[in-house]
Amino acid sequence: MQDVEHLQLSFLAPVPRGHQVLYARLRMGPDSGTLASFVHDLTSGVVYCDRRLAGPLGSVAAMEDPLGVLGGFSWSLEKRVAGRVSGVVCSADADLTTTRLAISVEASSYR
């Protein structure tokens, strides 16, 4: 049985079930409390991200390698999860946007 990572995100990431994804949580600078995250749908090429990453991920290069692009800024990797989406629930209203994402984790991707 595969491990399943359950993530709670503050942005919409309606990734279809079965798609291969990379999730990353980053910290802005080593002493900062500012965290942000993104989900890269590797199957479709779509990147979903926290609003704090919308500027740095605004280039064409970020669509191919968002983690590599963010390495050129002051963001440092806190957590990385790669695997296949086994479920997703998205909700949005005027005050709250959330995604609950379940990822069947590949054995060597959890950090």
PDB file of N, CA and C in Angstrom:
ATOM      1  N   MET A   1       0.836  -1.191   0.000  1.00  0.00           N
ATOM      2  CA  MET A   1       0.000   0.000   0.000  1.00  0.00           C
ATOM      3  C   MET A   1       0.879   1.253   0.000  1.00  0.00           C
ATOM      4  N   GLN A   2       0.541   2.222  -0.847  1.00  0.00           N
ATOM      5  CA  GLN A   2       1.306   3.459  -0.930  1.00  0.00           C
ATOM      6  C   GLN A   2       0.919   4.414   0.200  1.00  0.00           C
ATOM      7  N   ASP A   3       1.880   5.237   0.609  1.00  0.00           N
ATOM      8  CA  ASP A   3       1.586   6.308   1.553  1.00  0.00           C
ATOM      9  C   ASP A   3       0.822   7.401   0.833  1.00  0.00           C
ATOM     10  N   VAL A   4      -0.120   8.012   1.535  1.00  0.00           N
ATOM     11  CA  VAL A   4      -0.883   9.121   0.976  1.00  0.00           C
ATOM     12  C   VAL A   4      -0.625  10.353   1.826  1.00  0.00           C
ATOM     13  N   GLU A   5      -0.199  11.412   1.183  1.00  0.00           N
ATOM     14  CA  GLU A   5       0.038  12.708   1.834  1.00  0.00           C
ATOM     15  C   GLU A   5      -1.216  13.553   1.625  1.00  0.00           C
ATOM     16  N   HIS A   6      -1.788  14.065   2.712  1.00  0.00           N
ATOM     17  CA  HIS A   6      -2.972  14.924   2.651  1.00  0.00           C
ATOM     18  C   HIS A   6      -2.525  16.356   2.889  1.00  0.00           C
ATOM     19  N   LEU A   7      -2.774  17.223   1.909  1.00  0.00           N
ATOM     20  CA  LEU A   7      -2.334  18.615   1.985  1.00  0.00           C
ATOM     21  C   LEU A   7      -3.534  19.545   2.039  1.00  0.00           C
ATOM     22  N   GLN A   8      -3.429  20.584   2.848  1.00  0.00           N
ATOM     23  CA  GLN A   8      -4.436  21.637   2.922  1.00  0.00           C
ATOM     24  C   GLN A   8      -3.801  22.885   2.317  1.00  0.00           C
ATOM     25  N   LEU A   9      -4.348  23.384   1.212  1.00  0.00           N
ATOM     26  CA  LEU A   9      -3.782  24.528   0.496  1.00  0.00           C
ATOM     27  C   LEU A   9      -4.714  25.727   0.598  1.00  0.00           C
ATOM     28  N   SER A  10      -4.150  26.931   0.534  1.00  0.00           N
ATOM     29  CA  SER A  10      -4.947  28.163   0.621  1.00  0.00           C
ATOM     30  C   SER A  10      -5.235  28.758  -0.752  1.00  0.00           C
ATOM     31  N   PHE A  11      -5.140  27.936  -1.785  1.00  0.00           N
ATOM     32  CA  PHE A  11      -5.431  28.358  -3.153  1.00  0.00           C
ATOM     33  C   PHE A  11      -6.095  27.203  -3.888  1.00  0.00           C
ATOM     34  N   LEU A  12      -6.716  27.515  -5.021  1.00  0.00           N
ATOM     35  CA  LEU A  12      -7.362  26.462  -5.817  1.00  0.00           C
ATOM     36  C   LEU A  12      -6.320  25.692  -6.610  1.00  0.00           C
ATOM     37  N   ALA A  13      -6.431  24.381  -6.565  1.00  0.00           N
ATOM     38  CA  ALA A  13      -5.560  23.496  -7.345  1.00  0.00           C
ATOM     39  C   ALA A  13      -6.393  22.294  -7.785  1.00  0.00           C
ATOM     40  N   PRO A  14      -7.290  22.511  -8.761  1.00  0.00           N
ATOM     41  CA  PRO A  14      -8.196  21.434  -9.188  1.00  0.00           C
ATOM     42  C   PRO A  14      -7.513  20.424 -10.121  1.00  0.00           C
ATOM     43  N   VAL A  15      -6.547  19.705  -9.586  1.00  0.00           N
ATOM     44  CA  VAL A  15      -5.781  18.740 -10.365  1.00  0.00           C
ATOM     45  C   VAL A  15      -6.609  17.466 -10.513  1.00  0.00           C
ATOM     46  N   PRO A  16      -6.797  16.980 -11.732  1.00  0.00           N
ATOM     47  CA  PRO A  16      -7.580  15.754 -11.913  1.00  0.00           C
ATOM     48  C   PRO A  16      -6.923  14.531 -11.267  1.00  0.00           C
ATOM     49  N   ARG A  17      -7.758  13.644 -10.800  1.00  0.00           N
ATOM     50  CA  ARG A  17      -7.291  12.390 -10.208  1.00  0.00           C
ATOM     51  C   ARG A  17      -6.452  11.621 -11.221  1.00  0.00           C
ATOM     52  N   GLY A  18      -5.341  11.067 -10.756  1.00  0.00           N
ATOM     53  CA  GLY A  18      -4.458  10.291 -11.620  1.00  0.00           C
ATOM     54  C   GLY A  18      -3.306  11.081 -12.203  1.00  0.00           C
ATOM     55  N   HIS A  19      -3.365  12.421 -12.124  1.00  0.00           N
ATOM     56  CA  HIS A  19      -2.274  13.235 -12.660  1.00  0.00           C
ATOM     57  C   HIS A  19      -1.051  13.150 -11.741  1.00  0.00           C
ATOM     58  N   GLN A  20       0.107  13.190 -12.358  1.00  0.00           N
ATOM     59  CA  GLN A  20       1.382  13.210 -11.640  1.00  0.00           C
ATOM     60  C   GLN A  20       1.659  14.651 -11.217  1.00  0.00           C
ATOM     61  N   VAL A  21       2.021  14.874  -9.936  1.00  0.00           N
ATOM     62  CA  VAL A  21       2.238  16.230  -9.431  1.00  0.00           C
ATOM     63  C   VAL A  21       3.508  16.330  -8.597  1.00  0.00           C
ATOM     64  N   LEU A  22       3.958  17.569  -8.470  1.00  0.00           N
ATOM     65  CA  LEU A  22       5.023  17.937  -7.539  1.00  0.00           C
ATOM     66  C   LEU A  22       4.465  19.054  -6.672  1.00  0.00           C
ATOM     67  N   TYR A  23       4.499  18.855  -5.355  1.00  0.00           N
ATOM     68  CA  TYR A  23       4.100  19.885  -4.399  1.00  0.00           C
ATOM     69  C   TYR A  23       5.369  20.379  -3.705  1.00  0.00           C
ATOM     70  N   ALA A  24       5.470  21.686  -3.518  1.00  0.00           N
ATOM     71  CA  ALA A  24       6.609  22.245  -2.784  1.00  0.00           C
ATOM     72  C   ALA A  24       6.123  23.349  -1.859  1.00  0.00           C
ATOM     73  N   ARG A  25       6.637  23.326  -0.624  1.00  0.00           N
ATOM     74  CA  ARG A  25       6.411  24.413   0.334  1.00  0.00           C
ATOM     75  C   ARG A  25       7.758  25.087   0.530  1.00  0.00           C
ATOM     76  N   LEU A  26       7.763  26.419   0.430  1.00  0.00           N
ATOM     77  CA  LEU A  26       9.003  27.183   0.491  1.00  0.00           C
ATOM     78  C   LEU A  26       8.927  28.255   1.563  1.00  0.00           C
ATOM     79  N   ARG A  27      10.103  28.671   2.027  1.00  0.00           N
ATOM     80  CA  ARG A  27      10.231  29.752   3.011  1.00  0.00           C
ATOM     81  C   ARG A  27      11.000  30.892   2.349  1.00  0.00           C
ATOM     82  N   MET A  28      10.539  32.118   2.576  1.00  0.00           N
ATOM     83  CA  MET A  28      11.216  33.277   2.000  1.00  0.00           C
ATOM     84  C   MET A  28      12.358  33.679   2.914  1.00  0.00           C
ATOM     85  N   GLY A  29      13.562  33.243   2.570  1.00  0.00           N
ATOM     86  CA  GLY A  29      14.736  33.546   3.381  1.00  0.00           C
ATOM     87  C   GLY A  29      14.837  32.625   4.583  1.00  0.00           C
ATOM     88  N   PRO A  30      16.049  32.426   5.090  1.00  0.00           N
ATOM     89  CA  PRO A  30      16.278  31.457   6.166  1.00  0.00           C
ATOM     90  C   PRO A  30      15.641  31.827   7.504  1.00  0.00           C
ATOM     91  N   ASP A  31      15.479  33.105   7.791  1.00  0.00           N
ATOM     92  CA  ASP A  31      14.951  33.531   9.088  1.00  0.00           C
ATOM     93  C   ASP A  31      13.520  34.050   9.013  1.00  0.00           C
ATOM     94  N   SER A  32      12.889  33.892   7.882  1.00  0.00           N
ATOM     95  CA  SER A  32      11.548  34.435   7.671  1.00  0.00           C
ATOM     96  C   SER A  32      10.474  33.440   8.115  1.00  0.00           C
ATOM     97  N   GLY A  33       9.367  33.966   8.563  1.00  0.00           N
ATOM     98  CA  GLY A  33       8.209  33.130   8.877  1.00  0.00           C
ATOM     99  C   GLY A  33       7.263  33.013   7.698  1.00  0.00           C
ATOM    100  N   THR A  34       7.610  33.656   6.573  1.00  0.00           N
ATOM    101  CA  THR A  34       6.742  33.649   5.404  1.00  0.00           C
ATOM    102  C   THR A  34       6.887  32.347   4.632  1.00  0.00           C
ATOM    103  N   LEU A  35       5.773  31.622   4.525  1.00  0.00           N
ATOM    104  CA  LEU A  35       5.741  30.370   3.774  1.00  0.00           C
ATOM    105  C   LEU A  35       4.800  30.515   2.589  1.00  0.00           C
ATOM    106  N   ALA A  36       5.088  29.811   1.526  1.00  0.00           N
ATOM    107  CA  ALA A  36       4.229  29.772   0.353  1.00  0.00           C
ATOM    108  C   ALA A  36       4.411  28.408  -0.306  1.00  0.00           C
ATOM    109  N   SER A  37       3.459  28.021  -1.129  1.00  0.00           N
ATOM    110  CA  SER A  37       3.557  26.716  -1.771  1.00  0.00           C
ATOM    111  C   SER A  37       3.001  26.752  -3.187  1.00  0.00           C
ATOM    112  N   PHE A  38       3.335  25.702  -3.936  1.00  0.00           N
ATOM    113  CA  PHE A  38       2.772  25.525  -5.265  1.00  0.00           C
ATOM    114  C   PHE A  38       2.580  24.050  -5.541  1.00  0.00           C
ATOM    115  N   VAL A  39       1.726  23.768  -6.523  1.00  0.00           N
ATOM    116  CA  VAL A  39       1.519  22.420  -7.037  1.00  0.00           C
ATOM    117  C   VAL A  39       1.760  22.488  -8.535  1.00  0.00           C
ATOM    118  N   HIS A  40       2.694  21.674  -9.023  1.00  0.00           N
ATOM    119  CA  HIS A  40       2.973  21.598 -10.458  1.00  0.00           C
ATOM    120  C   HIS A  40       2.345  20.313 -10.969  1.00  0.00           C
ATOM    121  N   ASP A  41       1.309  20.450 -11.791  1.00  0.00           N
ATOM    122  CA  ASP A  41       0.666  19.302 -12.424  1.00  0.00           C
ATOM    123  C   ASP A  41       1.564  18.891 -13.582  1.00  0.00           C
ATOM    124  N   LEU A  42       2.357  17.860 -13.386  1.00  0.00           N
ATOM    125  CA  LEU A  42       3.328  17.436 -14.399  1.00  0.00           C
ATOM    126  C   LEU A  42       2.669  16.805 -15.613  1.00  0.00           C
ATOM    127  N   THR A  43       1.463  16.277 -15.450  1.00  0.00           N
ATOM    128  CA  THR A  43       0.741  15.655 -16.554  1.00  0.00           C
ATOM    129  C   THR A  43       0.255  16.708 -17.549  1.00  0.00           C
ATOM    130  N   SER A  44      -0.303  17.814 -17.039  1.00  0.00           N
ATOM    131  CA  SER A  44      -0.851  18.851 -17.927  1.00  0.00           C
ATOM    132  C   SER A  44       0.072  20.048 -18.105  1.00  0.00           C
ATOM    133  N   GLY A  45       1.049  20.216 -17.215  1.00  0.00           N
ATOM    134  CA  GLY A  45       1.954  21.359 -17.288  1.00  0.00           C
ATOM    135  C   GLY A  45       1.454  22.598 -16.576  1.00  0.00           C
ATOM    136  N   VAL A  46       0.345  22.500 -15.846  1.00  0.00           N
ATOM    137  CA  VAL A  46      -0.222  23.652 -15.150  1.00  0.00           C
ATOM    138  C   VAL A  46       0.432  23.797 -13.774  1.00  0.00           C
ATOM    139  N   VAL A  47       0.742  25.053 -13.393  1.00  0.00           N
ATOM    140  CA  VAL A  47       1.278  25.354 -12.070  1.00  0.00           C
ATOM    141  C   VAL A  47       0.221  26.136 -11.296  1.00  0.00           C
ATOM    142  N   TYR A  48      -0.130  25.633 -10.118  1.00  0.00           N
ATOM    143  CA  TYR A  48      -1.056  26.305  -9.207  1.00  0.00           C
ATOM    144  C   TYR A  48      -0.221  26.815  -8.040  1.00  0.00           C
ATOM    145  N   CYS A  49      -0.456  28.072  -7.619  1.00  0.00           N
ATOM    146  CA  CYS A  49       0.413  28.602  -6.570  1.00  0.00           C
ATOM    147  C   CYS A  49      -0.288  29.565  -5.638  1.00  0.00           C
ATOM    148  N   ASP A  50       0.340  29.754  -4.497  1.00  0.00           N
ATOM    149  CA  ASP A  50      -0.019  30.746  -3.518  1.00  0.00           C
ATOM    150  C   ASP A  50       0.176  32.125  -4.152  1.00  0.00           C
ATOM    151  N   ARG A  51      -0.620  33.087  -3.778  1.00  0.00           N
ATOM    152  CA  ARG A  51      -0.520  34.430  -4.394  1.00  0.00           C
ATOM    153  C   ARG A  51       0.855  35.059  -4.196  1.00  0.00           C
ATOM    154  N   ARG A  52       1.574  34.696  -3.117  1.00  0.00           N
ATOM    155  CA  ARG A  52       2.917  35.244  -2.883  1.00  0.00           C
ATOM    156  C   ARG A  52       3.918  34.774  -3.931  1.00  0.00           C
ATOM    157  N   LEU A  53       3.607  33.682  -4.624  1.00  0.00           N
ATOM    158  CA  LEU A  53       4.520  33.163  -5.651  1.00  0.00           C
ATOM    159  C   LEU A  53       4.109  33.549  -7.057  1.00  0.00           C
ATOM    160  N   ALA A  54       2.989  34.238  -7.214  1.00  0.00           N
ATOM    161  CA  ALA A  54       2.488  34.575  -8.550  1.00  0.00           C
ATOM    162  C   ALA A  54       3.481  35.443  -9.326  1.00  0.00           C
ATOM    163  N   GLY A  55       4.149  36.373  -8.667  1.00  0.00           N
ATOM    164  CA  GLY A  55       5.144  37.214  -9.345  1.00  0.00           C
ATOM    165  C   GLY A  55       6.372  36.431  -9.766  1.00  0.00           C
ATOM    166  N   PRO A  56       7.044  35.759  -8.833  1.00  0.00           N
ATOM    167  CA  PRO A  56       8.237  34.992  -9.205  1.00  0.00           C
ATOM    168  C   PRO A  56       7.962  33.877 -10.214  1.00  0.00           C
ATOM    169  N   LEU A  57       6.737  33.330 -10.193  1.00  0.00           N
ATOM    170  CA  LEU A  57       6.415  32.253 -11.136  1.00  0.00           C
ATOM    171  C   LEU A  57       5.727  32.768 -12.395  1.00  0.00           C
ATOM    172  N   GLY A  58       5.881  34.053 -12.679  1.00  0.00           N
ATOM    173  CA  GLY A  58       5.222  34.655 -13.826  1.00  0.00           C
ATOM    174  C   GLY A  58       5.930  34.486 -15.155  1.00  0.00           C
ATOM    175  N   SER A  59       7.034  33.753 -15.198  1.00  0.00           N
ATOM    176  CA  SER A  59       7.783  33.599 -16.447  1.00  0.00           C
ATOM    177  C   SER A  59       7.426  32.298 -17.160  1.00  0.00           C
ATOM    178  N   VAL A  60       7.755  32.219 -18.417  1.00  0.00           N
ATOM    179  CA  VAL A  60       7.549  31.004 -19.196  1.00  0.00           C
ATOM    180  C   VAL A  60       8.405  29.868 -18.625  1.00  0.00           C
ATOM    181  N   ALA A  61       9.608  30.179 -18.175  1.00  0.00           N
ATOM    182  CA  ALA A  61      10.491  29.163 -17.591  1.00  0.00           C
ATOM    183  C   ALA A  61       9.857  28.507 -16.370  1.00  0.00           C
ATOM    184  N   ALA A  62       9.079  29.260 -15.607  1.00  0.00           N
ATOM    185  CA  ALA A  62       8.438  28.722 -14.400  1.00  0.00           C
ATOM    186  C   ALA A  62       7.387  27.678 -14.740  1.00  0.00           C
ATOM    187  N   MET A  63       6.842  27.730 -15.929  1.00  0.00           N
ATOM    188  CA  MET A  63       5.855  26.725 -16.333  1.00  0.00           C
ATOM    189  C   MET A  63       6.505  25.356 -16.524  1.00  0.00           C
ATOM    190  N   GLU A  64       7.788  25.355 -16.824  1.00  0.00           N
ATOM    191  CA  GLU A  64       8.532  24.106 -17.011  1.00  0.00           C
ATOM    192  C   GLU A  64       9.217  23.645 -15.733  1.00  0.00           C
ATOM    193  N   ASP A  65       9.767  24.593 -14.960  1.00  0.00           N
ATOM    194  CA  ASP A  65      10.557  24.252 -13.781  1.00  0.00           C
ATOM    195  C   ASP A  65      10.357  25.296 -12.681  1.00  0.00           C
ATOM    196  N   PRO A  66       9.184  25.296 -12.027  1.00  0.00           N
ATOM    197  CA  PRO A  66       8.934  26.327 -11.012  1.00  0.00           C
ATOM    198  C   PRO A  66       9.923  26.273  -9.848  1.00  0.00           C
ATOM    199  N   LEU A  67      10.317  25.095  -9.431  1.00  0.00           N
ATOM    200  CA  LEU A  67      11.257  24.974  -8.319  1.00  0.00           C
ATOM    201  C   LEU A  67      12.619  25.552  -8.700  1.00  0.00           C
ATOM    202  N   GLY A  68      13.052  25.317  -9.915  1.00  0.00           N
ATOM    203  CA  GLY A  68      14.311  25.871 -10.398  1.00  0.00           C
ATOM    204  C   GLY A  68      14.280  27.387 -10.477  1.00  0.00           C
ATOM    205  N   VAL A  69      13.171  27.938 -10.942  1.00  0.00           N
ATOM    206  CA  VAL A  69      13.030  29.396 -11.035  1.00  0.00           C
ATOM    207  C   VAL A  69      13.056  30.021  -9.642  1.00  0.00           C
ATOM    208  N   LEU A  70      12.352  29.414  -8.694  1.00  0.00           N
ATOM    209  CA  LEU A  70      12.314  29.975  -7.338  1.00  0.00           C
ATOM    210  C   LEU A  70      13.668  29.888  -6.655  1.00  0.00           C
ATOM    211  N   GLY A  71      14.533  28.978  -7.085  1.00  0.00           N
ATOM    212  CA  GLY A  71      15.885  28.887  -6.550  1.00  0.00           C
ATOM    213  C   GLY A  71      16.703  30.130  -6.850  1.00  0.00           C
ATOM    214  N   GLY A  72      16.323  30.880  -7.895  1.00  0.00           N
ATOM    215  CA  GLY A  72      17.004  32.122  -8.237  1.00  0.00           C
ATOM    216  C   GLY A  72      16.552  33.302  -7.392  1.00  0.00           C
ATOM    217  N   PHE A  73      15.518  33.113  -6.600  1.00  0.00           N
ATOM    218  CA  PHE A  73      15.032  34.138  -5.683  1.00  0.00           C
ATOM    219  C   PHE A  73      15.473  33.734  -4.271  1.00  0.00           C
ATOM    220  N   SER A  74      14.947  34.371  -3.269  1.00  0.00           N
ATOM    221  CA  SER A  74      15.377  34.064  -1.896  1.00  0.00           C
ATOM    222  C   SER A  74      14.522  32.987  -1.223  1.00  0.00           C
ATOM    223  N   TRP A  75      13.763  32.220  -1.993  1.00  0.00           N
ATOM    224  CA  TRP A  75      12.934  31.161  -1.436  1.00  0.00           C
ATOM    225  C   TRP A  75      13.759  29.897  -1.220  1.00  0.00           C
ATOM    226  N   SER A  76      13.591  29.248  -0.065  1.00  0.00           N
ATOM    227  CA  SER A  76      14.283  27.982   0.203  1.00  0.00           C
ATOM    228  C   SER A  76      13.246  26.873   0.418  1.00  0.00           C
ATOM    229  N   LEU A  77      13.569  25.690  -0.032  1.00  0.00           N
ATOM    230  CA  LEU A  77      12.660  24.551   0.013  1.00  0.00           C
ATOM    231  C   LEU A  77      12.503  24.032   1.438  1.00  0.00           C
ATOM    232  N   GLU A  78      11.263  23.910   1.887  1.00  0.00           N
ATOM    233  CA  GLU A  78      10.932  23.360   3.204  1.00  0.00           C
ATOM    234  C   GLU A  78      10.444  21.918   3.076  1.00  0.00           C
ATOM    235  N   LYS A  79       9.626  21.648   2.062  1.00  0.00           N
ATOM    236  CA  LYS A  79       9.028  20.332   1.896  1.00  0.00           C
ATOM    237  C   LYS A  79       8.753  20.087   0.416  1.00  0.00           C
ATOM    238  N   ARG A  80       8.962  18.853  -0.006  1.00  0.00           N
ATOM    239  CA  ARG A  80       8.719  18.460  -1.406  1.00  0.00           C
ATOM    240  C   ARG A  80       8.013  17.116  -1.385  1.00  0.00           C
ATOM    241  N   VAL A  81       6.913  17.006  -2.137  1.00  0.00           N
ATOM    242  CA  VAL A  81       6.176  15.749  -2.250  1.00  0.00           C
ATOM    243  C   VAL A  81       5.862  15.532  -3.723  1.00  0.00           C
ATOM    244  N   ALA A  82       6.197  14.359  -4.236  1.00  0.00           N
ATOM    245  CA  ALA A  82       5.869  14.017  -5.625  1.00  0.00           C
ATOM    246  C   ALA A  82       5.059  12.734  -5.628  1.00  0.00           C
ATOM    247  N   GLY A  83       4.111  12.656  -6.540  1.00  0.00           N
ATOM    248  CA  GLY A  83       3.300  11.457  -6.630  1.00  0.00           C
ATOM    249  C   GLY A  83       2.114  11.664  -7.553  1.00  0.00           C
ATOM    250  N   ARG A  84       1.126  10.793  -7.388  1.00  0.00           N
ATOM    251  CA  ARG A  84      -0.062  10.801  -8.227  1.00  0.00           C
ATOM    252  C   ARG A  84      -1.258  11.231  -7.383  1.00  0.00           C
ATOM    253  N   VAL A  85      -2.088  12.123  -7.923  1.00  0.00           N
ATOM    254  CA  VAL A  85      -3.256  12.623  -7.201  1.00  0.00           C
ATOM    255  C   VAL A  85      -4.281  11.494  -7.047  1.00  0.00           C
ATOM    256  N   SER A  86      -4.685  11.278  -5.791  1.00  0.00           N
ATOM    257  CA  SER A  86      -5.704  10.262  -5.536  1.00  0.00           C
ATOM    258  C   SER A  86      -7.039  10.888  -5.150  1.00  0.00           C
ATOM    259  N   GLY A  87      -7.066  12.198  -4.943  1.00  0.00           N
ATOM    260  CA  GLY A  87      -8.310  12.893  -4.648  1.00  0.00           C
ATOM    261  C   GLY A  87      -8.082  14.372  -4.433  1.00  0.00           C
ATOM    262  N   VAL A  88      -9.129  15.160  -4.684  1.00  0.00           N
ATOM    263  CA  VAL A  88      -9.036  16.609  -4.497  1.00  0.00           C
ATOM    264  C   VAL A  88     -10.423  17.184  -4.218  1.00  0.00           C
ATOM    265  N   VAL A  89     -10.475  18.147  -3.292  1.00  0.00           N
ATOM    266  CA  VAL A  89     -11.690  18.894  -3.010  1.00  0.00           C
ATOM    267  C   VAL A  89     -11.312  20.365  -3.007  1.00  0.00           C
ATOM    268  N   CYS A  90     -11.975  21.163  -3.840  1.00  0.00           N
ATOM    269  CA  CYS A  90     -11.722  22.605  -3.913  1.00  0.00           C
ATOM    270  C   CYS A  90     -12.976  23.351  -3.479  1.00  0.00           C
ATOM    271  N   SER A  91     -12.778  24.470  -2.786  1.00  0.00           N
ATOM    272  CA  SER A  91     -13.904  25.329  -2.429  1.00  0.00           C
ATOM    273  C   SER A  91     -13.437  26.775  -2.422  1.00  0.00           C
ATOM    274  N   ALA A  92     -14.352  27.667  -2.765  1.00  0.00           N
ATOM    275  CA  ALA A  92     -14.025  29.091  -2.787  1.00  0.00           C
ATOM    276  C   ALA A  92     -15.286  29.897  -2.530  1.00  0.00           C
ATOM    277  N   ASP A  93     -15.133  30.939  -1.740  1.00  0.00           N
ATOM    278  CA  ASP A  93     -16.179  31.939  -1.579  1.00  0.00           C
ATOM    279  C   ASP A  93     -15.487  33.280  -1.390  1.00  0.00           C
ATOM    280  N   ALA A  94     -16.218  34.284  -1.000  1.00  0.00           N
ATOM    281  CA  ALA A  94     -15.645  35.625  -0.913  1.00  0.00           C
ATOM    282  C   ALA A  94     -14.502  35.726   0.096  1.00  0.00           C
ATOM    283  N   ASP A  95     -14.513  34.909   1.131  1.00  0.00           N
ATOM    284  CA  ASP A  95     -13.539  35.046   2.203  1.00  0.00           C
ATOM    285  C   ASP A  95     -12.517  33.923   2.305  1.00  0.00           C
ATOM    286  N   LEU A  96     -12.802  32.777   1.716  1.00  0.00           N
ATOM    287  CA  LEU A  96     -11.945  31.619   1.938  1.00  0.00           C
ATOM    288  C   LEU A  96     -11.833  30.757   0.689  1.00  0.00           C
ATOM    289  N   THR A  97     -10.604  30.443   0.324  1.00  0.00           N
ATOM    290  CA  THR A  97     -10.322  29.546  -0.798  1.00  0.00           C
ATOM    291  C   THR A  97      -9.452  28.415  -0.267  1.00  0.00           C
ATOM    292  N   THR A  98      -9.853  27.174  -0.514  1.00  0.00           N
ATOM    293  CA  THR A  98      -9.072  26.041  -0.043  1.00  0.00           C
ATOM    294  C   THR A  98      -9.078  24.896  -1.049  1.00  0.00           C
ATOM    295  N   THR A  99      -8.041  24.107  -0.963  1.00  0.00           N
ATOM    296  CA  THR A  99      -7.955  22.850  -1.692  1.00  0.00           C
ATOM    297  C   THR A  99      -7.440  21.802  -0.723  1.00  0.00           C
ATOM    298  N   ARG A 100      -8.116  20.685  -0.667  1.00  0.00           N
ATOM    299  CA  ARG A 100      -7.606  19.517   0.056  1.00  0.00           C
ATOM    300  C   ARG A 100      -7.146  18.540  -1.016  1.00  0.00           C
ATOM    301  N   LEU A 101      -5.870  18.244  -1.005  1.00  0.00           N
ATOM    302  CA  LEU A 101      -5.250  17.436  -2.046  1.00  0.00           C
ATOM    303  C   LEU A 101      -4.641  16.190  -1.430  1.00  0.00           C
ATOM    304  N   ALA A 102      -4.986  15.026  -1.976  1.00  0.00           N
ATOM    305  CA  ALA A 102      -4.411  13.759  -1.524  1.00  0.00           C
ATOM    306  C   ALA A 102      -3.479  13.262  -2.618  1.00  0.00           C
ATOM    307  N   ILE A 103      -2.230  12.998  -2.240  1.00  0.00           N
ATOM    308  CA  ILE A 103      -1.215  12.550  -3.190  1.00  0.00           C
ATOM    309  C   ILE A 103      -0.685  11.194  -2.744  1.00  0.00           C
ATOM    310  N   SER A 104      -0.776  10.201  -3.626  1.00  0.00           N
ATOM    311  CA  SER A 104      -0.131   8.909  -3.392  1.00  0.00           C
ATOM    312  C   SER A 104       1.350   9.117  -3.654  1.00  0.00           C
ATOM    313  N   VAL A 105       2.139   9.033  -2.601  1.00  0.00           N
ATOM    314  CA  VAL A 105       3.530   9.458  -2.627  1.00  0.00           C
ATOM    315  C   VAL A 105       4.448   8.389  -3.220  1.00  0.00           C
ATOM    316  N   GLU A 106       5.362   8.849  -4.078  1.00  0.00           N
ATOM    317  CA  GLU A 106       6.409   7.983  -4.585  1.00  0.00           C
ATOM    318  C   GLU A 106       7.419   7.756  -3.466  1.00  0.00           C
ATOM    319  N   ALA A 107       7.958   6.582  -3.383  1.00  0.00           N
ATOM    320  CA  ALA A 107       8.809   6.179  -2.259  1.00  0.00           C
ATOM    321  C   ALA A 107       9.950   7.142  -1.958  1.00  0.00           C
ATOM    322  N   SER A 108      10.621   7.701  -2.941  1.00  0.00           N
ATOM    323  CA  SER A 108      11.805   8.517  -2.698  1.00  0.00           C
ATOM    324  C   SER A 108      11.546  10.011  -2.702  1.00  0.00           C
ATOM    325  N   SER A 109      10.291  10.477  -2.771  1.00  0.00           N
ATOM    326  CA  SER A 109      10.038  11.896  -2.944  1.00  0.00           C
ATOM    327  C   SER A 109       9.783  12.652  -1.667  1.00  0.00           C
ATOM    328  N   TYR A 110       9.472  11.966  -0.574  1.00  0.00           N
ATOM    329  CA  TYR A 110       9.091  12.678   0.648  1.00  0.00           C
ATOM    330  C   TYR A 110      10.322  13.189   1.372  1.00  0.00           C
ATOM    331  N   ARG A 111      10.241  14.447   1.778  1.00  0.00           N
ATOM    332  CA  ARG A 111      11.374  15.050   2.492  1.00  0.00           C
ATOM    333  C   ARG A 111      10.889  15.752   3.703  1.00  0.00           C
TER     334      ARG A 111
END
